[in-house]
Amino acid sequence: MGIAEQQPQRVTMTRAARRILEAAERLFYERGIHAVGVDLIAAEAGVTKKTLYDRFGSKERIVVEYLTGRDERWRAFLAQYLDDHPDATHATPQARVLAVFDASRAWSAEYGSKGCSMVNAHAEISDPAHPAYPVIAGQKEWMLALFTRLARDVAPDDADRMGRTLVLLHEGALVAHGLHTFPDPIAHARDQAAALLKAPGGQP
């Protein structure tokens, strides 16, 4: 079983557990995982530390739930975007690829002011033994598989190379967005992807 196929065991979401997770999600994304302790999470959620540990067992488990939840919401957001977006629903193969960049731009504007939560988490969690590591790595493997699958409809004989190039453009744009390196990097990456798709085998 590859990293992307490993599914973390989920915590049953009682009302208290949901409050804890909502507080942790906000704090982890805004301040960083290592900077946020269980005392602060419990205080922000309005519960005792005992309740926190009763529901989750450890801070590591809260981190797993936080990242798994972000991943699930992104995948659902992307699926809905591709279903509803006019450019994607009439879709040429090239338009479906570019719609992923459009979805990322929309997601980042609403939910990602500090960049990609997975990239940010990986800066703090690089040990493969950490229970959240498969969630982080698996999300990026999933994005590579998605771009490769979409590229196969554009250039069947070059899908692997094109998929890798697309994921590099996408992930680099997310990093630049989080760092505020220059204005609208995801739109710039989309333009570069469009140029790539005009290459032989990918005429728009």
N, C-alpha and C. Protein backbone atom coordinates (compact mmCIF):
# COMPACT_ATOMS: atom_id res chain seq x y z
N MET A 1 0.85 -1.19 0.00
CA MET A 1 0.00 0.00 0.00
C MET A 1 0.88 1.24 0.00
N GLY A 2 0.65 2.16 -0.96
CA GLY A 2 1.41 3.39 -1.03
C GLY A 2 0.93 4.40 -0.01
N ILE A 3 1.71 5.47 0.13
CA ILE A 3 1.36 6.51 1.10
C ILE A 3 -0.03 7.06 0.82
N ALA A 4 -0.33 7.31 -0.45
CA ALA A 4 -1.60 7.92 -0.80
C ALA A 4 -2.78 7.02 -0.47
N GLU A 5 -2.54 5.71 -0.33
CA GLU A 5 -3.64 4.77 -0.08
C GLU A 5 -3.86 4.53 1.41
N GLN A 6 -2.97 5.04 2.26
CA GLN A 6 -3.11 4.82 3.69
C GLN A 6 -4.16 5.78 4.24
N GLN A 7 -5.22 5.24 4.80
CA GLN A 7 -6.28 6.06 5.34
C GLN A 7 -6.15 6.13 6.86
N PRO A 8 -6.05 7.34 7.42
CA PRO A 8 -5.93 7.43 8.87
C PRO A 8 -7.23 7.03 9.56
N GLN A 9 -7.08 6.47 10.73
CA GLN A 9 -8.26 6.16 11.53
C GLN A 9 -8.85 7.48 12.02
N ARG A 10 -10.16 7.65 11.86
CA ARG A 10 -10.80 8.92 12.19
C ARG A 10 -11.38 8.92 13.59
N VAL A 11 -11.46 10.09 14.16
CA VAL A 11 -12.03 10.29 15.49
C VAL A 11 -13.52 10.55 15.36
N THR A 12 -14.32 9.95 16.23
CA THR A 12 -15.75 10.21 16.25
C THR A 12 -16.00 11.64 16.70
N MET A 13 -16.75 12.38 15.92
CA MET A 13 -16.93 13.80 16.18
C MET A 13 -18.14 14.06 17.08
N THR A 14 -17.92 14.08 18.38
CA THR A 14 -18.91 14.57 19.32
C THR A 14 -18.95 16.09 19.23
N ARG A 15 -19.90 16.72 19.93
CA ARG A 15 -19.98 18.18 19.90
C ARG A 15 -18.70 18.80 20.45
N ALA A 16 -18.19 18.26 21.54
CA ALA A 16 -16.96 18.80 22.13
C ALA A 16 -15.78 18.58 21.19
N ALA A 17 -15.71 17.40 20.58
CA ALA A 17 -14.61 17.12 19.66
C ALA A 17 -14.63 18.07 18.48
N ARG A 18 -15.82 18.39 18.00
CA ARG A 18 -15.91 19.31 16.87
C ARG A 18 -15.43 20.71 17.26
N ARG A 19 -15.78 21.15 18.47
CA ARG A 19 -15.30 22.47 18.92
C ARG A 19 -13.77 22.47 19.03
N ILE A 20 -13.23 21.40 19.56
CA ILE A 20 -11.78 21.29 19.69
C ILE A 20 -11.12 21.34 18.32
N LEU A 21 -11.65 20.58 17.38
CA LEU A 21 -11.05 20.53 16.05
C LEU A 21 -11.18 21.87 15.34
N GLU A 22 -12.31 22.52 15.47
CA GLU A 22 -12.47 23.83 14.82
C GLU A 22 -11.47 24.84 15.37
N ALA A 23 -11.27 24.82 16.68
CA ALA A 23 -10.27 25.73 17.27
C ALA A 23 -8.87 25.38 16.80
N ALA A 24 -8.55 24.08 16.78
CA ALA A 24 -7.22 23.64 16.36
C ALA A 24 -6.95 23.99 14.91
N GLU A 25 -7.94 23.78 14.05
CA GLU A 25 -7.76 24.08 12.63
C GLU A 25 -7.40 25.55 12.43
N ARG A 26 -8.12 26.42 13.09
CA ARG A 26 -7.85 27.86 12.95
C ARG A 26 -6.46 28.20 13.48
N LEU A 27 -6.15 27.70 14.66
CA LEU A 27 -4.86 28.03 15.28
C LEU A 27 -3.70 27.43 14.52
N PHE A 28 -3.80 26.18 14.11
CA PHE A 28 -2.71 25.54 13.37
C PHE A 28 -2.42 26.29 12.07
N TYR A 29 -3.48 26.66 11.36
CA TYR A 29 -3.27 27.32 10.07
C TYR A 29 -2.72 28.73 10.26
N GLU A 30 -3.23 29.44 11.26
CA GLU A 30 -2.80 30.84 11.45
C GLU A 30 -1.41 30.95 12.08
N ARG A 31 -1.08 30.02 13.02
CA ARG A 31 0.13 30.20 13.83
C ARG A 31 1.19 29.13 13.59
N GLY A 32 0.82 28.00 13.01
CA GLY A 32 1.74 26.88 12.86
C GLY A 32 1.45 25.81 13.88
N ILE A 33 1.78 24.58 13.54
CA ILE A 33 1.45 23.43 14.38
C ILE A 33 2.27 23.41 15.66
N HIS A 34 3.58 23.61 15.54
CA HIS A 34 4.44 23.53 16.72
C HIS A 34 4.19 24.68 17.69
N ALA A 35 3.74 25.80 17.18
CA ALA A 35 3.54 26.99 18.02
C ALA A 35 2.27 26.90 18.87
N VAL A 36 1.41 25.94 18.57
CA VAL A 36 0.12 25.84 19.25
C VAL A 36 0.11 24.61 20.15
N GLY A 37 -0.11 24.81 21.44
CA GLY A 37 -0.16 23.71 22.39
C GLY A 37 -1.58 23.32 22.74
N VAL A 38 -1.72 22.21 23.42
CA VAL A 38 -3.05 21.72 23.76
C VAL A 38 -3.75 22.65 24.76
N ASP A 39 -2.99 23.35 25.60
CA ASP A 39 -3.62 24.29 26.53
C ASP A 39 -4.38 25.37 25.78
N LEU A 40 -3.75 25.92 24.75
CA LEU A 40 -4.39 26.97 23.97
C LEU A 40 -5.59 26.42 23.21
N ILE A 41 -5.45 25.25 22.61
CA ILE A 41 -6.57 24.66 21.88
C ILE A 41 -7.77 24.46 22.81
N ALA A 42 -7.51 23.89 23.99
CA ALA A 42 -8.59 23.64 24.94
C ALA A 42 -9.25 24.95 25.36
N ALA A 43 -8.43 25.97 25.63
CA ALA A 43 -8.99 27.25 26.05
C ALA A 43 -9.84 27.87 24.95
N GLU A 44 -9.36 27.83 23.71
CA GLU A 44 -10.11 28.40 22.60
C GLU A 44 -11.39 27.63 22.33
N ALA A 45 -11.38 26.34 22.58
CA ALA A 45 -12.56 25.50 22.35
C ALA A 45 -13.54 25.54 23.53
N GLY A 46 -13.09 26.08 24.66
CA GLY A 46 -13.94 26.12 25.83
C GLY A 46 -14.14 24.78 26.50
N VAL A 47 -13.07 23.94 26.48
CA VAL A 47 -13.13 22.62 27.12
C VAL A 47 -11.91 22.46 28.02
N THR A 48 -11.93 21.44 28.83
CA THR A 48 -10.77 21.13 29.66
C THR A 48 -9.77 20.31 28.85
N LYS A 49 -8.52 20.29 29.32
CA LYS A 49 -7.52 19.43 28.69
C LYS A 49 -7.93 17.96 28.78
N LYS A 50 -8.57 17.59 29.88
CA LYS A 50 -9.03 16.21 30.03
C LYS A 50 -10.01 15.85 28.91
N THR A 51 -10.94 16.75 28.63
CA THR A 51 -11.89 16.49 27.54
C THR A 51 -11.15 16.36 26.21
N LEU A 52 -10.17 17.23 25.99
CA LEU A 52 -9.40 17.17 24.74
C LEU A 52 -8.73 15.80 24.60
N TYR A 53 -8.06 15.36 25.65
CA TYR A 53 -7.37 14.07 25.57
C TYR A 53 -8.36 12.91 25.51
N ASP A 54 -9.50 13.04 26.19
CA ASP A 54 -10.52 11.99 26.10
C ASP A 54 -11.01 11.82 24.67
N ARG A 55 -11.15 12.93 23.96
CA ARG A 55 -11.71 12.87 22.60
C ARG A 55 -10.66 12.47 21.56
N PHE A 56 -9.42 12.97 21.73
CA PHE A 56 -8.41 12.78 20.68
C PHE A 56 -7.21 11.94 21.11
N GLY A 57 -6.92 11.89 22.38
CA GLY A 57 -5.81 11.08 22.85
C GLY A 57 -4.46 11.76 22.82
N SER A 58 -4.23 12.62 21.82
CA SER A 58 -2.93 13.28 21.68
C SER A 58 -3.06 14.46 20.74
N LYS A 59 -2.09 15.37 20.82
CA LYS A 59 -2.05 16.47 19.86
C LYS A 59 -1.82 15.94 18.44
N GLU A 60 -1.01 14.91 18.31
CA GLU A 60 -0.75 14.33 16.99
C GLU A 60 -2.04 13.92 16.30
N ARG A 61 -2.97 13.35 17.06
CA ARG A 61 -4.23 12.92 16.47
C ARG A 61 -5.05 14.12 16.01
N ILE A 62 -4.97 15.23 16.76
CA ILE A 62 -5.67 16.44 16.32
C ILE A 62 -5.07 16.94 15.00
N VAL A 63 -3.75 16.89 14.89
CA VAL A 63 -3.08 17.31 13.66
C VAL A 63 -3.54 16.45 12.48
N VAL A 64 -3.63 15.15 12.68
CA VAL A 64 -4.11 14.25 11.63
C VAL A 64 -5.52 14.64 11.19
N GLU A 65 -6.39 14.89 12.15
CA GLU A 65 -7.77 15.26 11.82
C GLU A 65 -7.82 16.61 11.10
N TYR A 66 -7.00 17.53 11.54
CA TYR A 66 -6.94 18.85 10.89
C TYR A 66 -6.55 18.72 9.43
N LEU A 67 -5.46 18.01 9.15
CA LEU A 67 -4.98 17.90 7.78
C LEU A 67 -5.89 17.03 6.93
N THR A 68 -6.41 15.97 7.50
CA THR A 68 -7.34 15.11 6.75
C THR A 68 -8.59 15.89 6.38
N GLY A 69 -9.09 16.70 7.32
CA GLY A 69 -10.27 17.50 7.03
C GLY A 69 -10.01 18.52 5.94
N ARG A 70 -8.85 19.19 5.97
CA ARG A 70 -8.51 20.15 4.92
C ARG A 70 -8.43 19.46 3.57
N ASP A 71 -7.81 18.29 3.55
CA ASP A 71 -7.67 17.54 2.30
C ASP A 71 -9.04 17.15 1.75
N GLU A 72 -9.90 16.65 2.60
CA GLU A 72 -11.23 16.24 2.15
C GLU A 72 -12.03 17.42 1.61
N ARG A 73 -11.93 18.55 2.30
CA ARG A 73 -12.67 19.73 1.84
C ARG A 73 -12.13 20.25 0.52
N TRP A 74 -10.81 20.20 0.33
CA TRP A 74 -10.23 20.63 -0.95
C TRP A 74 -10.69 19.71 -2.08
N ARG A 75 -10.66 18.41 -1.85
CA ARG A 75 -11.07 17.49 -2.92
C ARG A 75 -12.54 17.69 -3.27
N ALA A 76 -13.39 17.90 -2.27
CA ALA A 76 -14.81 18.14 -2.53
C ALA A 76 -15.01 19.48 -3.25
N PHE A 77 -14.26 20.50 -2.83
CA PHE A 77 -14.33 21.81 -3.48
C PHE A 77 -13.93 21.70 -4.95
N LEU A 78 -12.84 20.99 -5.21
CA LEU A 78 -12.38 20.83 -6.59
C LEU A 78 -13.39 20.06 -7.42
N ALA A 79 -13.93 18.98 -6.89
CA ALA A 79 -14.91 18.18 -7.63
C ALA A 79 -16.14 19.03 -7.97
N GLN A 80 -16.61 19.81 -6.99
CA GLN A 80 -17.77 20.67 -7.24
C GLN A 80 -17.45 21.74 -8.26
N TYR A 81 -16.25 22.30 -8.16
CA TYR A 81 -15.83 23.34 -9.10
C TYR A 81 -15.78 22.78 -10.53
N LEU A 82 -15.22 21.61 -10.68
CA LEU A 82 -15.13 21.02 -12.01
C LEU A 82 -16.49 20.64 -12.56
N ASP A 83 -17.43 20.30 -11.67
CA ASP A 83 -18.80 19.99 -12.11
C ASP A 83 -19.55 21.24 -12.54
N ASP A 84 -19.29 22.36 -11.85
CA ASP A 84 -20.10 23.58 -12.06
C ASP A 84 -19.46 24.60 -12.98
N HIS A 85 -18.16 24.59 -13.10
CA HIS A 85 -17.46 25.65 -13.84
C HIS A 85 -17.72 25.50 -15.33
N PRO A 86 -18.19 26.57 -16.02
CA PRO A 86 -18.52 26.45 -17.44
C PRO A 86 -17.36 25.96 -18.30
N ASP A 87 -16.14 26.46 -18.01
CA ASP A 87 -15.00 26.05 -18.82
C ASP A 87 -14.70 24.57 -18.65
N ALA A 88 -15.01 24.04 -17.47
CA ALA A 88 -14.71 22.63 -17.23
C ALA A 88 -15.82 21.73 -17.72
N THR A 89 -17.06 22.18 -17.59
CA THR A 89 -18.16 21.31 -17.97
C THR A 89 -18.30 21.18 -19.47
N HIS A 90 -17.84 22.15 -20.23
CA HIS A 90 -17.91 22.01 -21.70
C HIS A 90 -16.62 21.41 -22.17
N ALA A 91 -15.97 20.97 -21.47
CA ALA A 91 -14.57 20.81 -21.41
C ALA A 91 -13.89 20.14 -22.58
N THR A 92 -12.97 20.91 -23.09
CA THR A 92 -11.88 20.27 -23.81
C THR A 92 -10.94 19.70 -22.75
N PRO A 93 -10.09 18.77 -23.12
CA PRO A 93 -9.12 18.27 -22.14
C PRO A 93 -8.25 19.38 -21.56
N GLN A 94 -7.88 20.35 -22.42
CA GLN A 94 -7.05 21.45 -21.93
C GLN A 94 -7.81 22.29 -20.91
N ALA A 95 -9.09 22.53 -21.16
CA ALA A 95 -9.88 23.35 -20.23
C ALA A 95 -10.01 22.68 -18.87
N ARG A 96 -10.11 21.36 -18.84
CA ARG A 96 -10.21 20.66 -17.56
C ARG A 96 -8.93 20.83 -16.75
N VAL A 97 -7.79 20.80 -17.42
CA VAL A 97 -6.53 21.03 -16.71
C VAL A 97 -6.49 22.44 -16.12
N LEU A 98 -6.82 23.43 -16.94
CA LEU A 98 -6.75 24.81 -16.49
C LEU A 98 -7.76 25.11 -15.40
N ALA A 99 -8.88 24.39 -15.40
CA ALA A 99 -9.89 24.59 -14.36
C ALA A 99 -9.37 24.20 -12.98
N VAL A 100 -8.41 23.29 -12.91
CA VAL A 100 -7.81 22.95 -11.62
C VAL A 100 -7.08 24.17 -11.05
N PHE A 101 -6.37 24.89 -11.91
CA PHE A 101 -5.70 26.11 -11.46
C PHE A 101 -6.73 27.17 -11.04
N ASP A 102 -7.81 27.26 -11.79
CA ASP A 102 -8.87 28.21 -11.42
C ASP A 102 -9.46 27.86 -10.06
N ALA A 103 -9.68 26.56 -9.83
CA ALA A 103 -10.22 26.12 -8.55
C ALA A 103 -9.25 26.45 -7.41
N SER A 104 -7.96 26.22 -7.63
CA SER A 104 -6.97 26.54 -6.60
C SER A 104 -6.93 28.03 -6.31
N ARG A 105 -7.09 28.82 -7.33
CA ARG A 105 -7.09 30.27 -7.13
C ARG A 105 -8.30 30.69 -6.30
N ALA A 106 -9.46 30.10 -6.60
CA ALA A 106 -10.67 30.42 -5.83
C ALA A 106 -10.55 29.92 -4.40
N TRP A 107 -10.04 28.70 -4.22
CA TRP A 107 -9.86 28.15 -2.87
C TRP A 107 -8.88 29.00 -2.06
N SER A 108 -7.77 29.37 -2.67
CA SER A 108 -6.75 30.14 -1.95
C SER A 108 -7.27 31.51 -1.54
N ALA A 109 -8.10 32.11 -2.38
CA ALA A 109 -8.66 33.41 -2.04
C ALA A 109 -9.58 33.33 -0.83
N GLU A 110 -10.29 32.20 -0.70
CA GLU A 110 -11.27 32.07 0.39
C GLU A 110 -10.71 31.38 1.62
N TYR A 111 -9.87 30.36 1.42
CA TYR A 111 -9.46 29.51 2.54
C TYR A 111 -7.94 29.44 2.73
N GLY A 112 -7.17 30.06 1.86
CA GLY A 112 -5.73 29.80 1.87
C GLY A 112 -4.85 31.02 1.87
N SER A 113 -5.16 32.00 2.73
CA SER A 113 -4.37 33.24 2.71
C SER A 113 -2.92 33.01 3.09
N LYS A 114 -2.64 31.96 3.85
CA LYS A 114 -1.27 31.66 4.27
C LYS A 114 -0.65 30.53 3.45
N GLY A 115 -1.25 30.21 2.32
CA GLY A 115 -0.70 29.18 1.46
C GLY A 115 -1.28 27.82 1.73
N CYS A 116 -0.64 26.81 1.17
CA CYS A 116 -1.12 25.43 1.25
C CYS A 116 -0.87 24.86 2.64
N SER A 117 -1.92 24.36 3.27
CA SER A 117 -1.78 23.81 4.62
C SER A 117 -0.87 22.59 4.64
N MET A 118 -0.85 21.82 3.54
CA MET A 118 0.01 20.64 3.49
C MET A 118 1.48 21.03 3.39
N VAL A 119 1.77 22.01 2.55
CA VAL A 119 3.15 22.49 2.42
C VAL A 119 3.61 23.10 3.75
N ASN A 120 2.73 23.89 4.36
CA ASN A 120 3.08 24.49 5.64
C ASN A 120 3.33 23.43 6.71
N ALA A 121 2.47 22.41 6.72
CA ALA A 121 2.63 21.33 7.70
C ALA A 121 3.92 20.56 7.47
N HIS A 122 4.28 20.33 6.21
CA HIS A 122 5.49 19.57 5.91
C HIS A 122 6.73 20.30 6.38
N ALA A 123 6.68 21.63 6.41
CA ALA A 123 7.82 22.39 6.94
C ALA A 123 8.06 22.07 8.41
N GLU A 124 7.02 21.59 9.10
CA GLU A 124 7.14 21.26 10.53
C GLU A 124 7.15 19.76 10.78
N ILE A 125 6.63 19.00 9.84
CA ILE A 125 6.52 17.54 10.01
C ILE A 125 7.18 16.87 8.82
N SER A 126 8.43 16.47 8.96
CA SER A 126 9.14 15.82 7.86
C SER A 126 9.49 14.37 8.18
N ASP A 127 9.11 13.91 9.35
CA ASP A 127 9.40 12.54 9.76
C ASP A 127 8.32 11.61 9.24
N PRO A 128 8.66 10.65 8.37
CA PRO A 128 7.64 9.72 7.85
C PRO A 128 6.94 8.91 8.94
N ALA A 129 7.54 8.84 10.13
CA ALA A 129 6.90 8.09 11.21
C ALA A 129 5.78 8.87 11.88
N HIS A 130 5.71 10.16 11.65
CA HIS A 130 4.63 10.96 12.24
C HIS A 130 3.30 10.53 11.61
N PRO A 131 2.25 10.36 12.40
CA PRO A 131 0.98 9.87 11.83
C PRO A 131 0.35 10.81 10.82
N ALA A 132 0.73 12.09 10.82
CA ALA A 132 0.18 13.02 9.84
C ALA A 132 0.94 13.01 8.52
N TYR A 133 2.12 12.42 8.51
CA TYR A 133 2.95 12.45 7.30
C TYR A 133 2.26 11.81 6.09
N PRO A 134 1.60 10.65 6.25
CA PRO A 134 0.93 10.08 5.08
C PRO A 134 -0.19 10.96 4.53
N VAL A 135 -0.81 11.76 5.38
CA VAL A 135 -1.85 12.67 4.89
C VAL A 135 -1.23 13.74 4.01
N ILE A 136 -0.11 14.30 4.46
CA ILE A 136 0.58 15.35 3.71
C ILE A 136 1.09 14.81 2.37
N ALA A 137 1.85 13.72 2.44
CA ALA A 137 2.44 13.15 1.21
C ALA A 137 1.35 12.62 0.29
N GLY A 138 0.32 12.02 0.87
CA GLY A 138 -0.75 11.44 0.07
C GLY A 138 -1.52 12.49 -0.71
N GLN A 139 -1.69 13.66 -0.11
CA GLN A 139 -2.42 14.71 -0.82
C GLN A 139 -1.64 15.16 -2.06
N LYS A 140 -0.34 15.25 -1.95
CA LYS A 140 0.46 15.67 -3.10
C LYS A 140 0.55 14.56 -4.15
N GLU A 141 0.60 13.32 -3.70
CA GLU A 141 0.55 12.20 -4.65
C GLU A 141 -0.77 12.21 -5.42
N TRP A 142 -1.85 12.54 -4.71
CA TRP A 142 -3.16 12.59 -5.36
C TRP A 142 -3.20 13.69 -6.41
N MET A 143 -2.61 14.85 -6.11
CA MET A 143 -2.57 15.93 -7.09
C MET A 143 -1.76 15.54 -8.31
N LEU A 144 -0.63 14.86 -8.10
CA LEU A 144 0.15 14.38 -9.24
C LEU A 144 -0.66 13.40 -10.08
N ALA A 145 -1.35 12.49 -9.43
CA ALA A 145 -2.16 11.51 -10.16
C ALA A 145 -3.28 12.21 -10.93
N LEU A 146 -3.89 13.24 -10.33
CA LEU A 146 -4.95 13.98 -11.00
C LEU A 146 -4.43 14.66 -12.26
N PHE A 147 -3.33 15.40 -12.13
CA PHE A 147 -2.79 16.09 -13.30
C PHE A 147 -2.34 15.10 -14.37
N THR A 148 -1.77 13.99 -13.96
CA THR A 148 -1.33 12.99 -14.94
C THR A 148 -2.53 12.40 -15.68
N ARG A 149 -3.60 12.14 -14.94
CA ARG A 149 -4.81 11.61 -15.57
C ARG A 149 -5.41 12.61 -16.56
N LEU A 150 -5.45 13.88 -16.17
CA LEU A 150 -5.97 14.90 -17.07
C LEU A 150 -5.06 15.10 -18.28
N ALA A 151 -3.75 15.02 -18.04
CA ALA A 151 -2.78 15.18 -19.14
C ALA A 151 -2.90 14.05 -20.15
N ARG A 152 -3.33 12.88 -19.70
CA ARG A 152 -3.44 11.74 -20.61
C ARG A 152 -4.44 12.01 -21.73
N ASP A 153 -5.46 12.85 -21.44
CA ASP A 153 -6.43 13.20 -22.47
C ASP A 153 -5.90 14.26 -23.42
N VAL A 154 -4.85 14.96 -23.02
CA VAL A 154 -4.23 15.99 -23.86
C VAL A 154 -3.13 15.39 -24.72
N ALA A 155 -2.26 14.64 -24.09
CA ALA A 155 -1.08 14.09 -24.77
C ALA A 155 -0.82 12.69 -24.24
N PRO A 156 -1.52 11.68 -24.76
CA PRO A 156 -1.44 10.33 -24.20
C PRO A 156 -0.02 9.78 -24.10
N ASP A 157 0.83 10.15 -25.04
CA ASP A 157 2.19 9.60 -25.05
C ASP A 157 3.15 10.39 -24.15
N ASP A 158 2.67 11.48 -23.58
CA ASP A 158 3.56 12.34 -22.79
C ASP A 158 2.92 12.69 -21.45
N ALA A 159 1.98 11.87 -21.01
CA ALA A 159 1.18 12.24 -19.84
C ALA A 159 2.01 12.31 -18.57
N ASP A 160 2.94 11.39 -18.39
CA ASP A 160 3.72 11.39 -17.15
C ASP A 160 4.55 12.66 -17.02
N ARG A 161 5.25 13.03 -18.09
CA ARG A 161 6.08 14.24 -18.04
C ARG A 161 5.22 15.48 -17.88
N MET A 162 4.12 15.54 -18.63
CA MET A 162 3.25 16.71 -18.54
C MET A 162 2.60 16.81 -17.16
N GLY A 163 2.19 15.68 -16.59
CA GLY A 163 1.60 15.70 -15.26
C GLY A 163 2.57 16.22 -14.23
N ARG A 164 3.83 15.80 -14.32
CA ARG A 164 4.84 16.30 -13.37
C ARG A 164 5.07 17.78 -13.53
N THR A 165 5.11 18.25 -14.77
CA THR A 165 5.32 19.67 -15.01
C THR A 165 4.15 20.49 -14.47
N LEU A 166 2.94 20.00 -14.70
CA LEU A 166 1.76 20.70 -14.21
C LEU A 166 1.73 20.77 -12.68
N VAL A 167 2.11 19.66 -12.04
CA VAL A 167 2.08 19.69 -10.57
C VAL A 167 3.17 20.60 -10.02
N LEU A 168 4.29 20.68 -10.70
CA LEU A 168 5.33 21.63 -10.28
C LEU A 168 4.85 23.07 -10.41
N LEU A 169 4.18 23.39 -11.51
CA LEU A 169 3.62 24.72 -11.67
C LEU A 169 2.60 25.02 -10.57
N HIS A 170 1.73 24.07 -10.32
CA HIS A 170 0.66 24.25 -9.34
C HIS A 170 1.22 24.42 -7.92
N GLU A 171 2.11 23.52 -7.53
CA GLU A 171 2.64 23.57 -6.16
C GLU A 171 3.55 24.78 -5.96
N GLY A 172 4.33 25.11 -6.97
CA GLY A 172 5.16 26.31 -6.86
C GLY A 172 4.32 27.57 -6.70
N ALA A 173 3.19 27.61 -7.40
CA ALA A 173 2.29 28.76 -7.28
C ALA A 173 1.70 28.85 -5.88
N LEU A 174 1.37 27.70 -5.28
CA LEU A 174 0.82 27.72 -3.92
C LEU A 174 1.85 28.26 -2.92
N VAL A 175 3.10 27.86 -3.10
CA VAL A 175 4.15 28.36 -2.21
C VAL A 175 4.32 29.87 -2.39
N ALA A 176 4.37 30.33 -3.64
CA ALA A 176 4.53 31.76 -3.90
C ALA A 176 3.34 32.55 -3.36
N HIS A 177 2.15 31.96 -3.44
CA HIS A 177 0.96 32.61 -2.89
C HIS A 177 1.09 32.78 -1.37
N GLY A 178 1.50 31.72 -0.70
CA GLY A 178 1.63 31.78 0.75
C GLY A 178 2.69 32.75 1.21
N LEU A 179 3.74 32.89 0.42
CA LEU A 179 4.84 33.80 0.77
C LEU A 179 4.62 35.22 0.25
N HIS A 180 3.55 35.42 -0.55
CA HIS A 180 3.27 36.73 -1.15
C HIS A 180 4.48 37.22 -1.96
N THR A 181 5.06 36.29 -2.71
CA THR A 181 6.27 36.59 -3.47
C THR A 181 6.01 37.62 -4.56
N PHE A 182 4.89 37.48 -5.26
CA PHE A 182 4.48 38.45 -6.27
C PHE A 182 2.98 38.29 -6.45
N PRO A 183 2.32 39.26 -7.05
CA PRO A 183 0.86 39.20 -7.13
C PRO A 183 0.36 38.04 -8.00
N ASP A 184 -0.67 37.38 -7.53
CA ASP A 184 -1.44 36.39 -8.28
C ASP A 184 -0.59 35.30 -8.94
N PRO A 185 0.22 34.59 -8.17
CA PRO A 185 1.07 33.57 -8.77
C PRO A 185 0.29 32.40 -9.36
N ILE A 186 -0.90 32.11 -8.85
CA ILE A 186 -1.65 30.98 -9.40
C ILE A 186 -2.13 31.31 -10.80
N ALA A 187 -2.53 32.55 -11.04
CA ALA A 187 -2.90 32.96 -12.40
C ALA A 187 -1.69 32.87 -13.33
N HIS A 188 -0.52 33.26 -12.82
CA HIS A 188 0.69 33.15 -13.64
C HIS A 188 0.98 31.69 -13.98
N ALA A 189 0.85 30.80 -12.98
CA ALA A 189 1.07 29.38 -13.24
C ALA A 189 0.06 28.84 -14.24
N ARG A 190 -1.18 29.33 -14.16
CA ARG A 190 -2.20 28.91 -15.13
C ARG A 190 -1.78 29.30 -16.55
N ASP A 191 -1.26 30.53 -16.70
CA ASP A 191 -0.79 30.98 -18.02
C ASP A 191 0.32 30.08 -18.55
N GLN A 192 1.23 29.69 -17.66
CA GLN A 192 2.32 28.81 -18.08
C GLN A 192 1.80 27.42 -18.43
N ALA A 193 0.79 26.96 -17.68
CA ALA A 193 0.18 25.67 -18.01
C ALA A 193 -0.51 25.74 -19.37
N ALA A 194 -1.18 26.85 -19.65
CA ALA A 194 -1.84 27.00 -20.95
C ALA A 194 -0.82 26.96 -22.09
N ALA A 195 0.34 27.57 -21.88
CA ALA A 195 1.40 27.53 -22.89
C ALA A 195 1.90 26.10 -23.07
N LEU A 196 2.05 25.38 -21.96
CA LEU A 196 2.48 23.99 -22.04
C LEU A 196 1.48 23.15 -22.85
N LEU A 197 0.20 23.41 -22.64
CA LEU A 197 -0.84 22.61 -23.29
C LEU A 197 -0.96 22.92 -24.78
N LYS A 198 -0.35 24.03 -25.23
CA LYS A 198 -0.35 24.36 -26.65
C LYS A 198 0.77 23.67 -27.40
N ALA A 199 1.65 23.00 -26.65
CA ALA A 199 2.76 22.28 -27.28
C ALA A 199 2.22 21.14 -28.13
N PRO A 200 3.05 20.55 -29.00
CA PRO A 200 2.59 19.43 -29.81
C PRO A 200 1.90 18.36 -28.97
N GLY A 201 0.74 17.95 -29.45
CA GLY A 201 -0.04 16.97 -28.71
C GLY A 201 -1.03 17.60 -27.77
N GLY A 202 -1.00 18.93 -27.63
CA GLY A 202 -1.92 19.59 -26.72
C GLY A 202 -2.50 20.85 -27.31
N GLN A 203 -2.92 20.83 -28.57
CA GLN A 203 -3.49 22.01 -29.20
C GLN A 203 -4.82 22.36 -28.58
N PRO A 204 -5.04 23.65 -28.21
CA PRO A 204 -6.31 24.04 -27.61
C PRO A 204 -7.43 24.06 -28.64
